[in-house]
C-alpha atoms as a PDB file:
ATOM      1  CA  MET A   1      77.800  38.047 157.480  1.00  0.00           C
ATOM      2  CA  ASP A   2      78.009  34.773 155.622  1.00  0.00           C
ATOM      3  CA  THR A   3      75.922  32.264 153.747  1.00  0.00           C
ATOM      4  CA  GLN A   4      75.603  29.998 156.769  1.00  0.00           C
ATOM      5  CA  THR A   5      73.833  32.780 158.675  1.00  0.00           C
ATOM      6  CA  PHE A   6      71.537  33.322 155.692  1.00  0.00           C
ATOM      7  CA  ILE A   7      70.693  29.606 155.578  1.00  0.00           C
ATOM      8  CA  ASN A   8      70.043  29.533 159.322  1.00  0.00           C
ATOM      9  CA  GLN A   9      67.721  32.537 159.107  1.00  0.00           C
ATOM     10  CA  ALA A  10      65.842  31.081 156.150  1.00  0.00           C
ATOM     11  CA  ALA A  11      65.501  27.716 157.894  1.00  0.00           C
ATOM     12  CA  ALA A  12      64.286  29.399 161.085  1.00  0.00           C
ATOM     13  CA  GLY A  13      61.565  31.201 159.135  1.00  0.00           C
ATOM     14  CA  ASP A  14      63.088  34.664 159.538  1.00  0.00           C
ATOM     15  CA  ALA A  15      62.184  35.772 156.011  1.00  0.00           C
ATOM     16  CA  VAL A  16      62.823  39.476 156.596  1.00  0.00           C
ATOM     17  CA  GLY A  17      66.237  38.876 158.161  1.00  0.00           C
ATOM     18  CA  ALA A  18      67.173  36.377 155.459  1.00  0.00           C
ATOM     19  CA  LYS A  19      66.096  38.795 152.718  1.00  0.00           C
ATOM     20  CA  ASP A  20      68.105  41.646 154.202  1.00  0.00           C
ATOM     21  CA  LEU A  21      71.155  39.440 154.644  1.00  0.00           C
ATOM     22  CA  LEU A  22      70.857  38.108 151.094  1.00  0.00           C
ATOM     23  CA  ASN A  23      70.698  41.664 149.756  1.00  0.00           C
ATOM     24  CA  ASP A  24      73.808  42.566 151.747  1.00  0.00           C
ATOM     25  CA  LEU A  25      75.669  39.467 150.524  1.00  0.00           C
ATOM     26  CA  LEU A  26      74.761  40.139 146.898  1.00  0.00           C
ATOM     27  CA  ALA A  27      75.708  43.816 147.169  1.00  0.00           C
ATOM     28  CA  ALA A  28      79.088  42.896 148.653  1.00  0.00           C
ATOM     29  CA  LYS A  29      79.738  40.443 145.804  1.00  0.00           C
ATOM     30  CA  ALA A  30      78.710  43.034 143.220  1.00  0.00           C
ATOM     31  CA  PHE A  31      81.037  45.676 144.711  1.00  0.00           C
ATOM     32  CA  GLU A  32      83.928  43.183 144.824  1.00  0.00           C
ATOM     33  CA  ALA A  33      83.360  42.361 141.147  1.00  0.00           C
ATOM     34  CA  LEU A  34      83.088  46.063 140.293  1.00  0.00           C
ATOM     35  CA  ASP A  35      86.338  46.876 142.085  1.00  0.00           C
ATOM     36  CA  ALA A  36      88.120  44.030 140.297  1.00  0.00           C
ATOM     37  CA  ARG A  37      86.797  45.249 136.942  1.00  0.00           C
ATOM     38  CA  LYS A  38      87.873  48.840 137.669  1.00  0.00           C
ATOM     39  CA  ILE A  39      91.407  47.640 138.457  1.00  0.00           C
ATOM     40  CA  GLU A  40      91.455  45.529 135.304  1.00  0.00           C
ATOM     41  CA  MET A  41      90.308  48.453 133.160  1.00  0.00           C
ATOM     42  CA  ALA A  42      92.795  50.871 134.741  1.00  0.00           C
ATOM     43  CA  GLN A  43      95.645  48.454 134.099  1.00  0.00           C
ATOM     44  CA  SER A  44      94.634  48.058 130.471  1.00  0.00           C
ATOM     45  CA  LEU A  45      94.286  51.831 129.984  1.00  0.00           C
ATOM     46  CA  PHE A  46      97.426  52.909 131.797  1.00  0.00           C
ATOM     47  CA  GLY A  47      99.478  49.771 131.301  1.00  0.00           C
ATOM     48  CA  GLY A  48     100.287  49.573 134.983  1.00  0.00           C
ATOM     49  CA  GLU A  49     103.482  51.500 134.191  1.00  0.00           C
ATOM     50  CA  LYS A  50     103.406  54.168 136.884  1.00  0.00           C
ATOM     51  CA  GLU A  51     101.292  55.381 139.743  1.00  0.00           C
ATOM     52  CA  VAL A  52      99.468  58.656 139.529  1.00  0.00           C
ATOM     53  CA  GLU A  53     100.081  60.947 142.474  1.00  0.00           C
ATOM     54  CA  VAL A  54      96.987  62.752 143.719  1.00  0.00           C
ATOM     55  CA  GLN A  55      97.528  65.995 145.546  1.00  0.00           C
ATOM     56  CA  ASN A  56      95.249  67.138 148.323  1.00  0.00           C
ATOM     57  CA  THR A  57      94.112  70.607 147.290  1.00  0.00           C
ATOM     58  CA  ALA A  58      91.492  71.072 149.984  1.00  0.00           C
ATOM     59  CA  ASP A  59      93.476  73.908 151.649  1.00  0.00           C
ATOM     60  CA  THR A  60      94.533  75.590 148.395  1.00  0.00           C
ATOM     61  CA  PRO A  61      92.549  78.742 147.595  1.00  0.00           C
ATOM     62  CA  ILE A  62      90.753  78.859 144.268  1.00  0.00           C
ATOM     63  CA  GLU A  63      92.158  81.422 141.887  1.00  0.00           C
ATOM     64  CA  GLU A  64      89.612  83.650 140.190  1.00  0.00           C
ATOM     65  CA  GLU A  65      90.196  84.866 136.650  1.00  0.00           C
END
């Protein structure tokens, strides 16, 4: 999936294919930007000092009060 394919589809008159590919390309760019922003925000909040360990508690029974 790249811009050259999008250009080829648009030039060939494949409007539906070009539209779908453009949507996919834009969504991928948006998610890349979002991921970069999330990392930037996490570093500013936590200072990048230490990693947080996440424990898998899927097999741990839930205690009832």
